[in-house]
Amino acid sequence: MLLRFLKTNHAYHFILIPLMAVLLWIQSLVKPEIYSFYTGEDMMPLYRPVAWLMAQNPYLNSIVPLILLVLLAFLLIRLNIQYSVIHIRTFLPASLLVFITSGMISLHSMHPVYMAVFFLLFAIDRLFDSYEKDKIHSNAFDAGLLISIGSLFYMNLLFFFPVTWISIFIIHKQLKWRDFVLPVLGFMLPWLFTFTGYFFVNRVSDLLVILQNNIISENNLLRGNIPLQVYWGFLVFITLISSFFLLLRYGEKRISSRKFFQVFFFVFLIPIILIIVVPAVSSEIFLILAIPLSFLISNYLIFMKRKFWGEIVVYLLLAGVIYLQFIQR
């Protein structure tokens, strides 16, 4: 019943999705908590003004990310409508994004990743837009530029730059020299201006220290948190089933849809690698992971034959998210 309700394409979702988000965040809205940053995490050039603003009012630390999450959910719907990632129009990816991320209580506070993920999604949009285009120079340049701007909020977005080259190769099956160089130029431009600005105020060394801290600082992602480990284990289980389901029906999908899911695979793979390789990466990366997961799991829940099991998955996910609101506080 719940799944059938969530996967429809009715206008009431524009009210339902924000309402669900508020209800799942209600404790954080009543008793907001500031994210526990390591040194330098909230000092990236474009995020510093935001960090100062958040410090003026603790309630903004919960209200602003909640608003951004809802906007991000609606952007997923726009992406699906415009490019038919899933064959039908549905609001399910938006609902799943809200459910999945709401289980991470640490993400109920403002973090630079909330700003950066929009630029990543805009870059993906530009890459998808290049499908069936002969000249994709502006798309390639824009994708590199957008990821670069996002990395000035959240440094680890730097590692998503290869997605531009990989996506161009997947979508067009070739990588011309301009398509290789233009994303690099777009990527370099914001950082060139940033280093120039820090150079003129004689603070390049400070910037380098901030960048270093955003890589080598130690973070405990799941250690000792049994409820969160169980939650992640459930998501891993559903991800594996959804992936297997997608592979079984891969040949039935449109060519464009296949290519877009391949791109999402690498958007999913890079955070996994970062969790393993980069010590500073913590629960914030889950917001980026949730984007490809929302599409992948939605595809499974919408097209599976036995809807009963889909309903069970949704109820278990929602129950887990609600339980975590209490157990992690």
Protein backbone atom coordinates (compact mmCIF):
# COMPACT_ATOMS: atom_id res chain seq x y z
CA MET A 1 0.00 0.00 0.00
CA LEU A 2 2.74 2.47 0.99
CA LEU A 3 4.91 1.64 -2.04
CA ARG A 4 1.96 1.98 -4.42
CA PHE A 5 1.25 5.37 -2.88
CA LEU A 6 4.86 6.62 -3.05
CA LYS A 7 5.58 5.61 -6.64
CA THR A 8 2.66 7.50 -8.18
CA ASN A 9 3.12 10.66 -10.24
CA HIS A 10 0.60 12.95 -8.57
CA ALA A 11 1.05 16.59 -7.58
CA TYR A 12 0.34 15.87 -3.91
CA HIS A 13 3.95 14.62 -3.61
CA PHE A 14 5.06 18.25 -3.67
CA ILE A 15 3.45 18.52 -0.24
CA LEU A 16 3.96 14.93 0.91
CA ILE A 17 7.74 14.80 0.44
CA PRO A 18 8.51 17.96 2.47
CA LEU A 19 6.04 16.75 5.12
CA MET A 20 7.74 13.35 5.39
CA ALA A 21 11.12 15.05 5.64
CA VAL A 22 9.94 17.32 8.46
CA LEU A 23 8.44 14.40 10.40
CA LEU A 24 11.62 12.32 10.06
CA TRP A 25 13.74 15.30 11.15
CA ILE A 26 11.42 16.54 13.89
CA GLN A 27 13.80 15.78 16.77
CA SER A 28 16.66 17.55 15.04
CA LEU A 29 14.45 20.55 14.34
CA VAL A 30 13.38 20.78 17.99
CA LYS A 31 16.83 20.08 19.43
CA PRO A 32 19.38 21.01 16.73
CA GLU A 33 22.95 19.82 17.04
CA ILE A 34 26.01 21.21 15.27
CA TYR A 35 27.98 18.79 13.12
CA SER A 36 31.22 17.66 14.74
CA PHE A 37 33.74 19.02 12.23
CA TYR A 38 37.40 18.12 12.21
CA THR A 39 39.85 20.98 11.81
CA GLY A 40 39.49 22.52 8.38
CA GLU A 41 36.35 20.64 7.29
CA ASP A 42 34.20 23.75 7.53
CA MET A 43 36.92 26.12 6.31
CA MET A 44 36.84 25.49 2.57
CA PRO A 45 36.85 28.82 0.67
CA LEU A 46 33.19 28.91 -0.41
CA TYR A 47 31.81 27.28 2.72
CA ARG A 48 33.40 29.62 5.30
CA PRO A 49 30.70 32.31 4.92
CA VAL A 50 28.03 29.62 5.29
CA ALA A 51 29.74 28.27 8.41
CA TRP A 52 29.77 31.76 9.91
CA LEU A 53 26.06 32.18 9.18
CA MET A 54 25.23 28.79 10.73
CA ALA A 55 27.12 29.75 13.89
CA GLN A 56 24.81 32.73 14.43
CA ASN A 57 21.70 30.57 14.86
CA PRO A 58 21.81 26.87 15.90
CA TYR A 59 18.35 26.22 14.40
CA LEU A 60 19.67 27.10 10.96
CA ASN A 61 21.94 24.04 11.24
CA SER A 62 18.87 21.81 10.92
CA ILE A 63 16.45 23.96 8.93
CA VAL A 64 18.81 24.78 6.03
CA PRO A 65 19.97 21.19 5.31
CA LEU A 66 16.36 19.99 5.52
CA ILE A 67 15.33 22.54 2.88
CA LEU A 68 18.32 21.58 0.73
CA LEU A 69 17.46 17.87 1.04
CA VAL A 70 13.90 18.50 -0.16
CA LEU A 71 15.17 20.57 -3.08
CA LEU A 72 17.65 17.84 -3.94
CA ALA A 73 14.84 15.28 -3.90
CA PHE A 74 12.84 17.33 -6.39
CA LEU A 75 15.92 17.71 -8.60
CA LEU A 76 16.06 13.91 -8.84
CA ILE A 77 12.48 13.97 -10.14
CA ARG A 78 13.41 16.59 -12.72
CA LEU A 79 16.39 14.45 -13.80
CA ASN A 80 14.17 11.40 -14.23
CA ILE A 81 11.49 13.31 -16.14
CA GLN A 82 13.96 14.97 -18.49
CA TYR A 83 16.13 11.93 -19.28
CA SER A 84 13.83 8.96 -18.49
CA VAL A 85 16.43 7.26 -16.33
CA ILE A 86 13.54 5.09 -15.13
CA HIS A 87 11.03 4.40 -17.89
CA ILE A 88 8.08 5.89 -16.07
CA ARG A 89 7.42 9.18 -14.32
CA THR A 90 7.48 8.60 -10.59
CA PHE A 91 8.24 10.45 -7.36
CA LEU A 92 9.70 7.33 -5.74
CA PRO A 93 13.40 8.34 -6.10
CA ALA A 94 12.64 11.56 -4.19
CA SER A 95 10.92 9.68 -1.36
CA LEU A 96 13.72 7.13 -1.15
CA LEU A 97 16.34 9.88 -1.02
CA VAL A 98 14.54 11.42 1.98
CA PHE A 99 14.16 8.02 3.68
CA ILE A 100 17.73 6.84 3.10
CA THR A 101 19.48 10.04 4.19
CA SER A 102 17.19 10.64 7.17
CA GLY A 103 18.59 7.49 8.75
CA MET A 104 21.95 9.25 9.11
CA ILE A 105 21.39 11.49 12.13
CA SER A 106 24.72 13.26 11.59
CA LEU A 107 23.32 14.51 8.26
CA HIS A 108 20.56 16.34 10.12
CA SER A 109 23.09 19.13 10.65
CA MET A 110 24.54 21.50 8.08
CA HIS A 111 27.61 20.19 6.27
CA PRO A 112 29.50 21.41 3.16
CA VAL A 113 28.39 18.32 1.26
CA TYR A 114 24.85 19.74 1.13
CA MET A 115 26.13 22.57 -1.06
CA ALA A 116 28.52 20.44 -3.08
CA VAL A 117 26.04 17.71 -4.01
CA PHE A 118 23.96 20.23 -6.00
CA PHE A 119 26.94 21.05 -8.20
CA LEU A 120 27.60 17.33 -8.70
CA LEU A 121 23.98 16.81 -9.73
CA PHE A 122 24.11 19.81 -12.09
CA ALA A 123 27.30 18.33 -13.61
CA ILE A 124 25.52 14.99 -14.11
CA ASP A 125 22.66 16.86 -15.73
CA ARG A 126 25.04 18.51 -18.20
CA LEU A 127 26.65 15.16 -18.99
CA PHE A 128 23.27 13.48 -19.56
CA ASP A 129 22.28 16.43 -21.75
CA SER A 130 25.17 15.61 -24.07
CA TYR A 131 23.47 12.38 -25.15
CA GLU A 132 22.90 12.28 -28.93
CA LYS A 133 24.67 15.62 -29.40
CA ASP A 134 27.39 15.93 -32.02
CA LYS A 135 29.20 18.77 -30.30
CA ILE A 136 29.44 18.46 -26.54
CA HIS A 137 32.18 21.02 -25.85
CA SER A 138 30.04 23.23 -23.61
CA ASN A 139 28.68 20.20 -21.73
CA ALA A 140 32.18 18.88 -21.09
CA PHE A 141 33.49 22.26 -19.92
CA ASP A 142 30.44 22.92 -17.72
CA ALA A 143 30.68 19.52 -16.02
CA GLY A 144 34.31 20.13 -15.02
CA LEU A 145 33.51 23.67 -13.90
CA LEU A 146 30.55 22.62 -11.74
CA ILE A 147 32.46 19.85 -9.97
CA SER A 148 35.29 22.29 -9.31
CA ILE A 149 32.96 24.90 -7.78
CA GLY A 150 31.38 22.19 -5.63
CA SER A 151 34.80 21.10 -4.38
CA LEU A 152 35.38 24.62 -3.02
CA PHE A 153 32.56 23.80 -0.58
CA TYR A 154 33.44 20.13 0.02
CA MET A 155 36.99 19.23 -0.95
CA ASN A 156 36.41 15.53 -1.56
CA LEU A 157 34.23 16.38 -4.54
CA LEU A 158 37.57 16.80 -6.32
CA PHE A 159 37.74 13.02 -6.61
CA PHE A 160 34.55 12.97 -8.70
CA PHE A 161 36.20 14.79 -11.58
CA PRO A 162 36.99 11.51 -13.45
CA VAL A 163 33.21 11.04 -13.75
CA THR A 164 33.30 13.68 -16.50
CA TRP A 165 35.69 11.69 -18.69
CA ILE A 166 34.06 8.34 -17.85
CA SER A 167 30.58 9.69 -18.60
CA ILE A 168 31.62 11.16 -21.94
CA PHE A 169 33.17 7.85 -22.92
CA ILE A 170 30.08 5.89 -21.81
CA ILE A 171 27.61 8.19 -23.52
CA HIS A 172 29.57 8.71 -26.74
CA LYS A 173 31.88 5.67 -26.85
CA GLN A 174 34.80 7.91 -27.69
CA LEU A 175 36.81 10.66 -26.04
CA LYS A 176 38.13 13.30 -28.43
CA TRP A 177 41.02 15.46 -27.33
CA ARG A 178 38.76 18.50 -26.85
CA ASP A 179 36.40 16.46 -24.68
CA PHE A 180 39.41 15.46 -22.60
CA VAL A 181 40.88 18.96 -22.28
CA LEU A 182 37.74 21.08 -21.82
CA PRO A 183 36.64 19.47 -18.53
CA VAL A 184 40.18 20.03 -17.23
CA LEU A 185 40.04 23.71 -18.18
CA GLY A 186 36.64 24.08 -16.54
CA PHE A 187 37.91 22.30 -13.46
CA MET A 188 41.08 24.40 -13.17
CA LEU A 189 39.41 27.79 -13.50
CA PRO A 190 37.76 28.14 -10.03
CA TRP A 191 40.82 26.76 -8.27
CA LEU A 192 43.09 29.12 -10.21
CA PHE A 193 41.04 32.08 -8.99
CA THR A 194 41.05 30.64 -5.47
CA PHE A 195 44.82 30.21 -5.28
CA THR A 196 45.30 33.66 -6.83
CA GLY A 197 43.10 35.23 -4.16
CA TYR A 198 44.91 33.44 -1.34
CA PHE A 199 48.24 34.41 -2.91
CA PHE A 200 47.40 38.12 -2.88
CA VAL A 201 46.54 37.99 0.82
CA ASN A 202 49.60 35.83 1.51
CA ARG A 203 47.59 32.87 2.82
CA VAL A 204 48.38 30.09 0.35
CA SER A 205 49.99 28.06 3.14
CA ASP A 206 46.73 28.26 5.14
CA LEU A 207 44.79 26.93 2.16
CA LEU A 208 47.23 24.04 1.74
CA VAL A 209 46.83 23.11 5.41
CA ILE A 210 43.03 23.12 5.02
CA LEU A 211 43.28 20.85 1.96
CA GLN A 212 45.64 18.51 3.80
CA ASN A 213 43.32 18.26 6.81
CA ASN A 214 40.43 17.39 4.48
CA ILE A 215 42.36 14.30 3.42
CA ILE A 216 44.35 13.00 6.38
CA SER A 217 42.01 13.74 9.32
CA GLU A 218 40.78 10.53 10.94
CA ASN A 219 37.05 9.78 11.06
CA ASN A 220 35.20 6.82 12.53
CA LEU A 221 32.47 6.09 10.03
CA LEU A 222 30.69 3.10 11.53
CA ARG A 223 32.98 1.87 14.29
CA GLY A 224 31.08 0.88 17.43
CA ASN A 225 27.66 1.96 16.13
CA ILE A 226 25.76 -1.33 15.88
CA PRO A 227 22.33 0.13 14.89
CA LEU A 228 23.92 2.13 12.08
CA GLN A 229 25.89 -0.92 10.95
CA VAL A 230 22.63 -2.91 10.74
CA TYR A 231 21.02 -0.06 8.78
CA TRP A 232 23.91 0.06 6.31
CA GLY A 233 23.85 -3.74 6.08
CA PHE A 234 20.17 -3.61 5.10
CA LEU A 235 20.92 -0.99 2.44
CA VAL A 236 23.80 -3.10 1.11
CA PHE A 237 21.46 -6.10 0.88
CA ILE A 238 18.79 -4.12 -1.01
CA THR A 239 21.47 -2.59 -3.26
CA LEU A 240 22.76 -6.04 -4.23
CA ILE A 241 19.25 -7.31 -5.00
CA SER A 242 18.44 -4.15 -6.99
CA SER A 243 21.71 -4.43 -8.94
CA PHE A 244 21.05 -8.08 -9.78
CA PHE A 245 17.52 -7.16 -10.88
CA LEU A 246 18.86 -4.37 -13.11
CA LEU A 247 21.39 -6.71 -14.74
CA LEU A 248 18.68 -9.31 -15.45
CA ARG A 249 16.55 -6.71 -17.24
CA TYR A 250 19.40 -4.67 -18.67
CA GLY A 251 18.63 -5.66 -22.25
CA GLU A 252 15.03 -4.49 -21.95
CA LYS A 253 15.99 -0.92 -21.14
CA ARG A 254 16.45 1.89 -23.61
CA ILE A 255 20.00 2.55 -24.71
CA SER A 256 19.98 5.97 -23.05
CA SER A 257 18.76 4.50 -19.76
CA ARG A 258 21.53 1.89 -19.82
CA LYS A 259 24.15 4.58 -20.31
CA PHE A 260 22.76 6.74 -17.50
CA PHE A 261 22.75 3.82 -15.07
CA GLN A 262 26.37 3.14 -16.01
CA VAL A 263 27.23 6.73 -15.11
CA PHE A 264 25.41 6.33 -11.78
CA PHE A 265 27.46 3.20 -11.13
CA PHE A 266 30.64 5.28 -11.07
CA VAL A 267 28.96 7.99 -8.99
CA PHE A 268 28.26 5.13 -6.56
CA LEU A 269 31.71 3.53 -6.85
CA ILE A 270 33.79 6.63 -6.13
CA PRO A 271 32.31 7.22 -2.62
CA ILE A 272 32.95 3.56 -1.76
CA ILE A 273 36.59 3.97 -2.77
CA LEU A 274 36.86 7.23 -0.82
CA ILE A 275 35.49 5.58 2.33
CA ILE A 276 38.25 2.98 2.07
CA VAL A 277 41.15 5.20 0.94
CA VAL A 278 40.60 8.73 2.34
CA PRO A 279 40.69 8.87 6.18
CA ALA A 280 38.75 12.16 6.35
CA VAL A 281 35.68 10.81 4.54
CA SER A 282 32.84 10.09 6.96
CA SER A 283 29.05 9.85 7.05
CA GLU A 284 28.63 12.97 4.87
CA ILE A 285 29.54 10.96 1.76
CA PHE A 286 26.30 9.05 2.32
CA LEU A 287 24.36 11.98 0.85
CA ILE A 288 26.15 11.48 -2.48
CA LEU A 289 25.78 7.70 -2.30
CA ALA A 290 22.04 8.12 -1.82
CA ILE A 291 21.59 9.64 -5.29
CA PRO A 292 22.47 6.56 -7.40
CA LEU A 293 20.92 4.31 -4.73
CA SER A 294 17.59 6.14 -4.99
CA PHE A 295 17.41 5.46 -8.73
CA LEU A 296 18.68 1.90 -8.48
CA ILE A 297 16.30 0.83 -5.70
CA SER A 298 13.39 2.71 -7.32
CA ASN A 299 13.94 0.75 -10.53
CA TYR A 300 13.75 -2.49 -8.57
CA LEU A 301 10.68 -1.56 -6.52
CA ILE A 302 8.72 -0.26 -9.52
CA PHE A 303 9.31 -3.12 -11.95
CA MET A 304 9.50 -6.11 -9.58
CA LYS A 305 6.66 -8.60 -10.12
CA ARG A 306 5.89 -9.44 -6.49
CA LYS A 307 4.79 -6.09 -5.11
CA PHE A 308 4.33 -7.60 -1.64
CA TRP A 309 8.10 -7.83 -1.16
CA GLY A 310 8.51 -4.28 -2.37
CA GLU A 311 6.07 -3.12 0.29
CA ILE A 312 8.07 -5.05 2.91
CA VAL A 313 11.30 -3.36 1.80
CA VAL A 314 9.76 0.12 2.09
CA TYR A 315 8.21 -0.59 5.49
CA LEU A 316 11.50 -2.02 6.83
CA LEU A 317 13.44 0.97 5.51
CA LEU A 318 11.03 3.44 7.06
CA ALA A 319 10.93 1.53 10.35
CA GLY A 320 14.74 1.51 10.48
CA VAL A 321 14.92 5.25 9.82
CA ILE A 322 12.38 6.00 12.57
CA TYR A 323 14.18 3.70 15.02
CA LEU A 324 17.50 5.42 14.35
CA GLN A 325 15.98 8.79 15.24
CA PHE A 326 15.68 7.60 18.84
CA ILE A 327 18.54 5.13 19.29
CA GLN A 328 21.27 7.49 18.02
CA ARG A 329 20.36 10.30 20.41
